[in-house]
C-alpha atoms as a PDB file:
ATOM      1  CA  MET A   1     140.770  28.913 306.130  1.00  0.00           C
ATOM      2  CA  SER A   2     139.660  29.290 302.500  1.00  0.00           C
ATOM      3  CA  GLN A   3     137.278  26.793 300.954  1.00  0.00           C
ATOM      4  CA  ALA A   4     138.828  24.125 298.747  1.00  0.00           C
ATOM      5  CA  ALA A   5     138.341  24.716 295.026  1.00  0.00           C
ATOM      6  CA  ARG A   6     135.608  22.548 293.516  1.00  0.00           C
ATOM      7  CA  ILE A   7     136.671  20.509 290.483  1.00  0.00           C
ATOM      8  CA  LEU A   8     134.490  18.467 288.133  1.00  0.00           C
ATOM      9  CA  ILE A   9     136.161  15.583 286.273  1.00  0.00           C
ATOM     10  CA  VAL A  10     134.313  14.310 283.183  1.00  0.00           C
ATOM     11  CA  ASP A  11     135.651  11.178 281.506  1.00  0.00           C
ATOM     12  CA  ASP A  12     134.090   7.925 280.325  1.00  0.00           C
ATOM     13  CA  GLU A  13     137.160   5.964 281.444  1.00  0.00           C
ATOM     14  CA  SER A  14     136.838   5.010 285.107  1.00  0.00           C
ATOM     15  CA  SER A  15     140.618   4.646 285.471  1.00  0.00           C
ATOM     16  CA  ILE A  16     141.137   8.280 284.422  1.00  0.00           C
ATOM     17  CA  ARG A  17     138.404   9.519 286.777  1.00  0.00           C
ATOM     18  CA  LEU A  18     139.821   7.571 289.711  1.00  0.00           C
ATOM     19  CA  THR A  19     143.455   8.497 289.026  1.00  0.00           C
ATOM     20  CA  LEU A  20     142.800  12.220 288.516  1.00  0.00           C
ATOM     21  CA  GLY A  21     140.349  12.305 291.404  1.00  0.00           C
ATOM     22  CA  ALA A  22     142.810  10.763 293.847  1.00  0.00           C
ATOM     23  CA  LEU A  23     145.643  12.985 292.596  1.00  0.00           C
ATOM     24  CA  LEU A  24     143.680  16.212 292.975  1.00  0.00           C
ATOM     25  CA  GLN A  25     142.099  15.232 296.276  1.00  0.00           C
ATOM     26  CA  ARG A  26     145.580  14.718 297.708  1.00  0.00           C
ATOM     27  CA  ALA A  27     146.406  18.203 296.440  1.00  0.00           C
ATOM     28  CA  GLY A  28     143.560  19.576 298.565  1.00  0.00           C
ATOM     29  CA  TYR A  29     140.737  20.002 296.062  1.00  0.00           C
ATOM     30  CA  GLU A  30     137.088  18.970 296.366  1.00  0.00           C
ATOM     31  CA  ILE A  31     136.377  16.486 293.572  1.00  0.00           C
ATOM     32  CA  THR A  32     133.175  15.445 291.783  1.00  0.00           C
ATOM     33  CA  ALA A  33     133.251  13.012 288.851  1.00  0.00           C
ATOM     34  CA  ALA A  34     130.920  12.291 285.931  1.00  0.00           C
ATOM     35  CA  GLU A  35     131.216   9.348 283.562  1.00  0.00           C
ATOM     36  CA  ASN A  36     129.504  11.015 280.581  1.00  0.00           C
ATOM     37  CA  GLY A  37     128.381  14.367 279.228  1.00  0.00           C
ATOM     38  CA  MET A  38     124.752  14.134 280.293  1.00  0.00           C
ATOM     39  CA  GLU A  39     125.731  13.382 283.880  1.00  0.00           C
ATOM     40  CA  ALA A  40     128.137  16.327 283.801  1.00  0.00           C
ATOM     41  CA  VAL A  41     125.422  18.705 282.571  1.00  0.00           C
ATOM     42  CA  ALA A  42     123.080  17.514 285.338  1.00  0.00           C
ATOM     43  CA  LEU A  43     125.790  18.231 287.904  1.00  0.00           C
ATOM     44  CA  LEU A  44     126.451  21.668 286.400  1.00  0.00           C
ATOM     45  CA  GLU A  45     122.742  22.448 286.784  1.00  0.00           C
ATOM     46  CA  ARG A  46     122.802  21.602 290.502  1.00  0.00           C
ATOM     47  CA  GLN A  47     126.269  22.632 291.725  1.00  0.00           C
ATOM     48  CA  SER A  48     128.833  25.332 291.054  1.00  0.00           C
ATOM     49  CA  PHE A  49     132.404  24.423 290.149  1.00  0.00           C
ATOM     50  CA  ASP A  50     135.606  26.406 289.904  1.00  0.00           C
ATOM     51  CA  LEU A  51     137.269  24.209 287.289  1.00  0.00           C
ATOM     52  CA  MET A  52     136.315  21.346 284.979  1.00  0.00           C
ATOM     53  CA  LEU A  53     138.595  18.687 283.488  1.00  0.00           C
ATOM     54  CA  VAL A  54     136.780  17.132 280.536  1.00  0.00           C
ATOM     55  CA  ASP A  55     137.688  14.398 278.063  1.00  0.00           C
ATOM     56  CA  LEU A  56     137.549  15.560 274.447  1.00  0.00           C
ATOM     57  CA  LYS A  57     136.370  12.248 272.982  1.00  0.00           C
ATOM     58  CA  MET A  58     133.441  10.547 274.698  1.00  0.00           C
ATOM     59  CA  PRO A  59     130.543   8.511 273.318  1.00  0.00           C
ATOM     60  CA  GLY A  60     127.257  10.359 273.061  1.00  0.00           C
ATOM     61  CA  MET A  61     127.862  13.907 274.210  1.00  0.00           C
ATOM     62  CA  ASP A  62     131.488  14.778 273.432  1.00  0.00           C
ATOM     63  CA  GLY A  63     133.821  17.118 275.270  1.00  0.00           C
ATOM     64  CA  MET A  64     133.120  20.223 273.166  1.00  0.00           C
ATOM     65  CA  GLU A  65     129.383  19.828 273.748  1.00  0.00           C
ATOM     66  CA  VAL A  66     130.017  19.569 277.493  1.00  0.00           C
ATOM     67  CA  VAL A  67     132.181  22.701 277.312  1.00  0.00           C
ATOM     68  CA  ALA A  68     129.392  24.620 275.531  1.00  0.00           C
ATOM     69  CA  ALA A  69     126.846  23.439 278.106  1.00  0.00           C
ATOM     70  CA  ALA A  70     129.171  24.454 280.954  1.00  0.00           C
ATOM     71  CA  ARG A  71     129.651  27.938 279.493  1.00  0.00           C
ATOM     72  CA  GLN A  72     125.879  28.423 279.296  1.00  0.00           C
ATOM     73  CA  ARG A  73     125.405  27.448 282.937  1.00  0.00           C
ATOM     74  CA  GLN A  74     128.599  28.634 284.647  1.00  0.00           C
ATOM     75  CA  GLN A  75     130.277  31.300 282.579  1.00  0.00           C
ATOM     76  CA  ASP A  76     133.286  31.730 284.876  1.00  0.00           C
ATOM     77  CA  ILE A  77     134.280  28.078 285.231  1.00  0.00           C
ATOM     78  CA  ALA A  78     137.894  27.363 284.208  1.00  0.00           C
ATOM     79  CA  ILE A  79     138.103  24.507 281.693  1.00  0.00           C
ATOM     80  CA  ILE A  80     140.940  22.108 280.892  1.00  0.00           C
ATOM     81  CA  VAL A  81     140.368  19.601 278.101  1.00  0.00           C
ATOM     82  CA  LEU A  82     141.905  16.135 278.310  1.00  0.00           C
ATOM     83  CA  THR A  83     142.927  14.653 274.997  1.00  0.00           C
ATOM     84  CA  GLY A  84     144.835  11.754 273.491  1.00  0.00           C
ATOM     85  CA  HIS A  85     147.742  12.115 271.079  1.00  0.00           C
ATOM     86  CA  GLY A  86     145.549  11.488 268.048  1.00  0.00           C
ATOM     87  CA  SER A  87     143.028  14.199 268.860  1.00  0.00           C
ATOM     88  CA  LEU A  88     145.353  16.999 269.921  1.00  0.00           C
ATOM     89  CA  ASP A  89     145.325  18.658 266.499  1.00  0.00           C
ATOM     90  CA  THR A  90     141.538  18.815 266.393  1.00  0.00           C
ATOM     91  CA  ALA A  91     141.285  20.180 269.915  1.00  0.00           C
ATOM     92  CA  VAL A  92     141.953  23.745 268.768  1.00  0.00           C
ATOM     93  CA  GLU A  93     138.401  23.929 267.410  1.00  0.00           C
ATOM     94  CA  GLY A  94     137.257  24.631 270.962  1.00  0.00           C
ATOM     95  CA  LEU A  95     139.428  27.690 271.569  1.00  0.00           C
ATOM     96  CA  HIS A  96     136.490  30.045 270.995  1.00  0.00           C
ATOM     97  CA  GLN A  97     134.832  28.592 274.092  1.00  0.00           C
ATOM     98  CA  GLY A  98     137.492  30.131 276.315  1.00  0.00           C
ATOM     99  CA  ILE A  99     139.199  26.866 277.202  1.00  0.00           C
ATOM    100  CA  PHE A 100     142.112  27.556 279.512  1.00  0.00           C
ATOM    101  CA  ASP A 101     144.359  24.643 278.515  1.00  0.00           C
ATOM    102  CA  TYR A 102     144.682  21.244 276.867  1.00  0.00           C
ATOM    103  CA  LEU A 103     146.437  18.333 278.545  1.00  0.00           C
ATOM    104  CA  LEU A 104     147.444  15.007 277.105  1.00  0.00           C
ATOM    105  CA  LYS A 105     146.173  12.099 279.153  1.00  0.00           C
ATOM    106  CA  THR A 106     149.787  10.986 279.457  1.00  0.00           C
ATOM    107  CA  THR A 107     150.790  14.244 281.205  1.00  0.00           C
ATOM    108  CA  GLU A 108     152.786  13.630 284.376  1.00  0.00           C
ATOM    109  CA  PRO A 109     150.918  14.204 287.689  1.00  0.00           C
ATOM    110  CA  PRO A 110     153.027  17.216 288.820  1.00  0.00           C
ATOM    111  CA  GLN A 111     152.234  18.977 285.528  1.00  0.00           C
ATOM    112  CA  VAL A 112     148.517  18.258 285.900  1.00  0.00           C
ATOM    113  CA  ILE A 113     148.493  19.798 289.371  1.00  0.00           C
ATOM    114  CA  GLU A 114     150.488  22.791 288.145  1.00  0.00           C
ATOM    115  CA  ARG A 115     148.095  23.503 285.254  1.00  0.00           C
ATOM    116  CA  VAL A 116     145.096  23.164 287.563  1.00  0.00           C
ATOM    117  CA  LYS A 117     146.682  25.652 289.988  1.00  0.00           C
ATOM    118  CA  VAL A 118     147.389  28.104 287.175  1.00  0.00           C
ATOM    119  CA  GLY A 119     143.871  27.717 285.767  1.00  0.00           C
ATOM    120  CA  LEU A 120     142.301  28.393 289.152  1.00  0.00           C
ATOM    121  CA  ALA A 121     144.580  31.382 289.700  1.00  0.00           C
ATOM    122  CA  ALA A 122     143.631  32.829 286.294  1.00  0.00           C
ATOM    123  CA  ARG A 123     139.945  32.396 287.111  1.00  0.00           C
ATOM    124  CA  ALA A 124     140.370  34.114 290.488  1.00  0.00           C
ATOM    125  CA  GLN A 125     142.193  37.027 288.856  1.00  0.00           C
ATOM    126  CA  HIS A 126     139.446  37.396 286.253  1.00  0.00           C
ATOM    127  CA  LEU A 127     136.789  37.493 288.984  1.00  0.00           C
ATOM    128  CA  ARG A 128     138.756  40.094 290.961  1.00  0.00           C
ATOM    129  CA  GLU A 129     139.120  42.308 287.890  1.00  0.00           C
ATOM    130  CA  ARG A 130     135.431  42.028 287.068  1.00  0.00           C
ATOM    131  CA  THR A 131     134.443  42.879 290.638  1.00  0.00           C
ATOM    132  CA  LEU A 132     136.708  45.929 290.556  1.00  0.00           C
ATOM    133  CA  LEU A 133     135.189  47.075 287.264  1.00  0.00           C
ATOM    134  CA  ASP A 134     131.692  46.656 288.719  1.00  0.00           C
ATOM    135  CA  VAL A 135     132.636  48.723 291.787  1.00  0.00           C
ATOM    136  CA  VAL A 136     134.199  51.478 289.662  1.00  0.00           C
ATOM    137  CA  GLY A 137     131.233  51.458 287.301  1.00  0.00           C
ATOM    138  CA  ALA A 138     128.763  51.743 290.185  1.00  0.00           C
ATOM    139  CA  ALA A 139     130.765  54.629 291.655  1.00  0.00           C
ATOM    140  CA  VAL A 140     130.744  56.472 288.325  1.00  0.00           C
ATOM    141  CA  GLN A 141     126.991  55.924 287.973  1.00  0.00           C
ATOM    142  CA  GLU A 142     126.474  57.198 291.528  1.00  0.00           C
ATOM    143  CA  LEU A 143     128.407  60.378 290.741  1.00  0.00           C
ATOM    144  CA  ARG A 144     126.485  60.921 287.533  1.00  0.00           C
ATOM    145  CA  GLY A 145     123.131  59.957 289.053  1.00  0.00           C
ATOM    146  CA  PRO A 146     121.654  63.368 289.932  1.00  0.00           C
ATOM    147  CA  GLN A 147     122.533  64.856 286.520  1.00  0.00           C
ATOM    148  CA  THR A 148     121.190  61.812 284.706  1.00  0.00           C
ATOM    149  CA  ASN A 149     117.923  61.849 286.685  1.00  0.00           C
ATOM    150  CA  LYS A 150     117.421  65.539 285.949  1.00  0.00           C
ATOM    151  CA  SER A 151     117.891  64.891 282.258  1.00  0.00           C
ATOM    152  CA  THR A 152     115.474  62.001 282.449  1.00  0.00           C
ATOM    153  CA  GLU A 153     112.741  64.103 284.010  1.00  0.00           C
ATOM    154  CA  SER A 154     112.949  66.684 281.230  1.00  0.00           C
ATOM    155  CA  SER A 155     113.183  64.264 278.336  1.00  0.00           C
ATOM    156  CA  GLY A 156     110.884  61.501 279.521  1.00  0.00           C
ATOM    157  CA  GLY A 157     113.478  58.825 278.744  1.00  0.00           C
ATOM    158  CA  SER A 158     114.913  56.147 281.014  1.00  0.00           C
ATOM    159  CA  SER A 159     117.901  56.705 283.281  1.00  0.00           C
ATOM    160  CA  GLU A 160     121.176  54.897 282.746  1.00  0.00           C
ATOM    161  CA  ARG A 161     120.422  52.796 285.785  1.00  0.00           C
ATOM    162  CA  THR A 162     116.997  51.552 284.698  1.00  0.00           C
ATOM    163  CA  ILE A 163     115.769  50.572 281.255  1.00  0.00           C
ATOM    164  CA  THR A 164     112.047  50.138 280.748  1.00  0.00           C
ATOM    165  CA  VAL A 165     110.337  48.431 277.829  1.00  0.00           C
ATOM    166  CA  GLY A 166     106.614  48.258 278.506  1.00  0.00           C
ATOM    167  CA  ALA A 167     106.112  46.282 281.733  1.00  0.00           C
ATOM    168  CA  LEU A 168     109.722  45.071 281.684  1.00  0.00           C
ATOM    169  CA  HIS A 169     112.178  46.919 283.934  1.00  0.00           C
ATOM    170  CA  LEU A 170     115.913  46.259 283.962  1.00  0.00           C
ATOM    171  CA  ASP A 171     118.050  47.560 286.840  1.00  0.00           C
ATOM    172  CA  THR A 172     121.604  47.645 285.512  1.00  0.00           C
ATOM    173  CA  TRP A 173     123.152  48.268 288.944  1.00  0.00           C
ATOM    174  CA  ARG A 174     121.488  45.337 290.634  1.00  0.00           C
ATOM    175  CA  GLN A 175     121.521  43.186 287.493  1.00  0.00           C
ATOM    176  CA  GLU A 176     117.834  42.565 288.137  1.00  0.00           C
ATOM    177  CA  ALA A 177     114.890  42.262 285.756  1.00  0.00           C
ATOM    178  CA  THR A 178     111.247  42.585 286.785  1.00  0.00           C
ATOM    179  CA  LEU A 179     108.115  42.017 284.734  1.00  0.00           C
ATOM    180  CA  GLY A 180     104.968  43.612 286.094  1.00  0.00           C
ATOM    181  CA  GLY A 181     106.596  43.713 289.540  1.00  0.00           C
ATOM    182  CA  ARG A 182     107.681  40.060 289.400  1.00  0.00           C
ATOM    183  CA  THR A 183     111.430  39.445 289.596  1.00  0.00           C
ATOM    184  CA  LEU A 184     112.675  37.200 286.804  1.00  0.00           C
ATOM    185  CA  PRO A 185     115.171  34.478 287.880  1.00  0.00           C
ATOM    186  CA  LEU A 186     117.802  35.252 285.245  1.00  0.00           C
ATOM    187  CA  THR A 187     121.383  34.066 285.083  1.00  0.00           C
ATOM    188  CA  PRO A 188     124.025  36.802 284.569  1.00  0.00           C
ATOM    189  CA  THR A 189     124.332  35.918 280.876  1.00  0.00           C
ATOM    190  CA  GLU A 190     120.566  35.892 280.370  1.00  0.00           C
ATOM    191  CA  PHE A 191     120.358  39.335 281.992  1.00  0.00           C
ATOM    192  CA  ARG A 192     123.040  40.714 279.666  1.00  0.00           C
ATOM    193  CA  VAL A 193     121.322  39.264 276.581  1.00  0.00           C
ATOM    194  CA  LEU A 194     117.992  40.775 277.657  1.00  0.00           C
ATOM    195  CA  LEU A 195     119.681  44.101 278.442  1.00  0.00           C
ATOM    196  CA  CYS A 196     121.214  44.209 274.953  1.00  0.00           C
ATOM    197  CA  LEU A 197     117.805  43.564 273.392  1.00  0.00           C
ATOM    198  CA  ALA A 198     116.150  46.163 275.645  1.00  0.00           C
ATOM    199  CA  GLU A 199     118.737  48.812 274.787  1.00  0.00           C
ATOM    200  CA  HIS A 200     117.789  48.319 271.133  1.00  0.00           C
ATOM    201  CA  ALA A 201     114.075  47.544 271.619  1.00  0.00           C
ATOM    202  CA  GLY A 202     112.245  47.288 268.322  1.00  0.00           C
ATOM    203  CA  THR A 203     115.491  46.861 266.390  1.00  0.00           C
ATOM    204  CA  MET A 204     116.856  43.527 265.266  1.00  0.00           C
ATOM    205  CA  LEU A 205     120.243  42.507 266.618  1.00  0.00           C
ATOM    206  CA  SER A 206     122.116  39.851 264.670  1.00  0.00           C
ATOM    207  CA  TYR A 207     123.443  36.750 266.410  1.00  0.00           C
ATOM    208  CA  ALA A 208     126.981  38.150 266.251  1.00  0.00           C
ATOM    209  CA  GLN A 209     125.886  41.517 267.658  1.00  0.00           C
ATOM    210  CA  LEU A 210     124.200  39.810 270.600  1.00  0.00           C
ATOM    211  CA  VAL A 211     127.257  37.675 271.382  1.00  0.00           C
ATOM    212  CA  ARG A 212     129.500  40.740 271.144  1.00  0.00           C
ATOM    213  CA  CYS A 213     127.199  42.817 273.347  1.00  0.00           C
ATOM    214  CA  ALA A 214     126.359  40.190 275.968  1.00  0.00           C
ATOM    215  CA  GLN A 215     129.499  38.061 276.092  1.00  0.00           C
ATOM    216  CA  GLY A 216     132.205  40.392 274.836  1.00  0.00           C
ATOM    217  CA  TYR A 217     133.800  38.441 272.031  1.00  0.00           C
ATOM    218  CA  GLU A 218     133.631  38.135 268.277  1.00  0.00           C
ATOM    219  CA  ALA A 219     132.016  35.172 266.533  1.00  0.00           C
ATOM    220  CA  ASP A 220     130.792  34.569 263.015  1.00  0.00           C
ATOM    221  CA  GLU A 221     127.028  34.423 262.512  1.00  0.00           C
ATOM    222  CA  LEU A 222     126.831  30.625 262.394  1.00  0.00           C
ATOM    223  CA  GLU A 223     128.798  30.153 265.601  1.00  0.00           C
ATOM    224  CA  ALA A 224     127.079  33.101 267.297  1.00  0.00           C
ATOM    225  CA  GLY A 225     123.668  31.635 266.459  1.00  0.00           C
ATOM    226  CA  GLU A 226     124.556  28.386 268.203  1.00  0.00           C
ATOM    227  CA  LEU A 227     125.858  30.275 271.238  1.00  0.00           C
ATOM    228  CA  ILE A 228     122.935  32.668 271.646  1.00  0.00           C
ATOM    229  CA  LYS A 229     119.957  30.396 270.888  1.00  0.00           C
ATOM    230  CA  PRO A 230     120.051  28.488 274.224  1.00  0.00           C
ATOM    231  CA  HIS A 231     119.997  31.794 276.137  1.00  0.00           C
ATOM    232  CA  ILE A 232     117.032  33.024 274.084  1.00  0.00           C
ATOM    233  CA  HIS A 233     115.238  29.746 274.783  1.00  0.00           C
ATOM    234  CA  HIS A 234     115.706  30.135 278.544  1.00  0.00           C
ATOM    235  CA  LEU A 235     114.708  33.819 278.447  1.00  0.00           C
ATOM    236  CA  ARG A 236     111.479  32.957 276.676  1.00  0.00           C
ATOM    237  CA  GLN A 237     110.694  30.325 279.300  1.00  0.00           C
ATOM    238  CA  LYS A 238     110.956  33.001 281.983  1.00  0.00           C
ATOM    239  CA  LEU A 239     109.482  35.984 280.118  1.00  0.00           C
ATOM    240  CA  GLU A 240     106.849  34.841 277.642  1.00  0.00           C
ATOM    241  CA  PRO A 241     103.240  33.961 278.601  1.00  0.00           C
ATOM    242  CA  ASP A 242     103.525  31.135 276.048  1.00  0.00           C
ATOM    243  CA  PRO A 243     107.174  30.330 275.200  1.00  0.00           C
ATOM    244  CA  ALA A 244     106.025  28.235 272.221  1.00  0.00           C
ATOM    245  CA  ALA A 245     104.411  31.333 270.679  1.00  0.00           C
ATOM    246  CA  PRO A 246     106.677  34.222 271.725  1.00  0.00           C
ATOM    247  CA  ARG A 247     105.224  37.731 271.699  1.00  0.00           C
ATOM    248  CA  TYR A 248     108.155  39.712 273.080  1.00  0.00           C
ATOM    249  CA  ILE A 249     111.472  38.173 271.991  1.00  0.00           C
ATOM    250  CA  LEU A 250     110.882  37.777 268.286  1.00  0.00           C
ATOM    251  CA  ASN A 251     112.970  35.798 265.844  1.00  0.00           C
ATOM    252  CA  VAL A 252     114.028  37.319 262.530  1.00  0.00           C
ATOM    253  CA  ARG A 253     114.514  34.021 260.760  1.00  0.00           C
ATOM    254  CA  GLY A 254     118.140  33.155 260.167  1.00  0.00           C
ATOM    255  CA  LYS A 255     119.351  36.634 261.163  1.00  0.00           C
ATOM    256  CA  GLY A 256     118.764  37.519 264.810  1.00  0.00           C
ATOM    257  CA  TYR A 257     116.254  38.682 267.421  1.00  0.00           C
ATOM    258  CA  LEU A 258     114.399  41.798 268.507  1.00  0.00           C
ATOM    259  CA  LEU A 259     112.517  42.767 271.645  1.00  0.00           C
ATOM    260  CA  SER A 260     109.029  44.163 271.127  1.00  0.00           C
ATOM    261  CA  PRO A 261     107.264  46.142 273.886  1.00  0.00           C
ATOM    262  CA  VAL A 262     106.345  43.864 276.777  1.00  0.00           C
ATOM    263  CA  GLY A 263     102.731  44.242 277.854  1.00  0.00           C
ATOM    264  CA  GLU A 264     101.380  44.235 281.395  1.00  0.00           C
END
């Protein structure tokens, strides 16, 4: 028997939380509820969820801020935004965050369940496709391995599997980063950001280039800066001897970042 999908409901109205929670529990899902954005972020830090239903308009931390926080912590979570009639037009501003759907709070229960099912199915399909690509990619690397290693020995460069910048080693097959033999506890997105910087060590990458390289979509520089800065912050916490005075991930003010050689 497969595990029930885990759904997070975020809404400041208790009646909405209770109604949606009861509806989706009866449909067989495992439900967790948060009454504000900060509570939702705390839950996202501690637990993994398959789908999140989040109110667009909430006091304090609004729905779009919760969506951005969710994307930083759980990249593959499916997201449905709940909105009132008056805010539907402004909801499109969040499309760049990969929101699956928008639902009016007046949507009939059968339609809510249907959209949740479709959102979960789309997420599952995305994960299957990504797993298949990873398997195919690993197989191709395995076939090319001996030739690549031979080339590496003669040229002194790094293989396609491992990238080394000073004491920093990135294993692209295992998605693992080590610093002086110590494994860094990176999220998948943090690993991809660091890999992009390592592949261009000593060269500045703009905010938009980093988002394109690490997350696979286009964003203007302003938006890309807001998306990439939290990941850089977390990387520095895990990589730098003193995150407040970074030596390795350097900021080119207002433009982007570069990775300088990481010492022992």
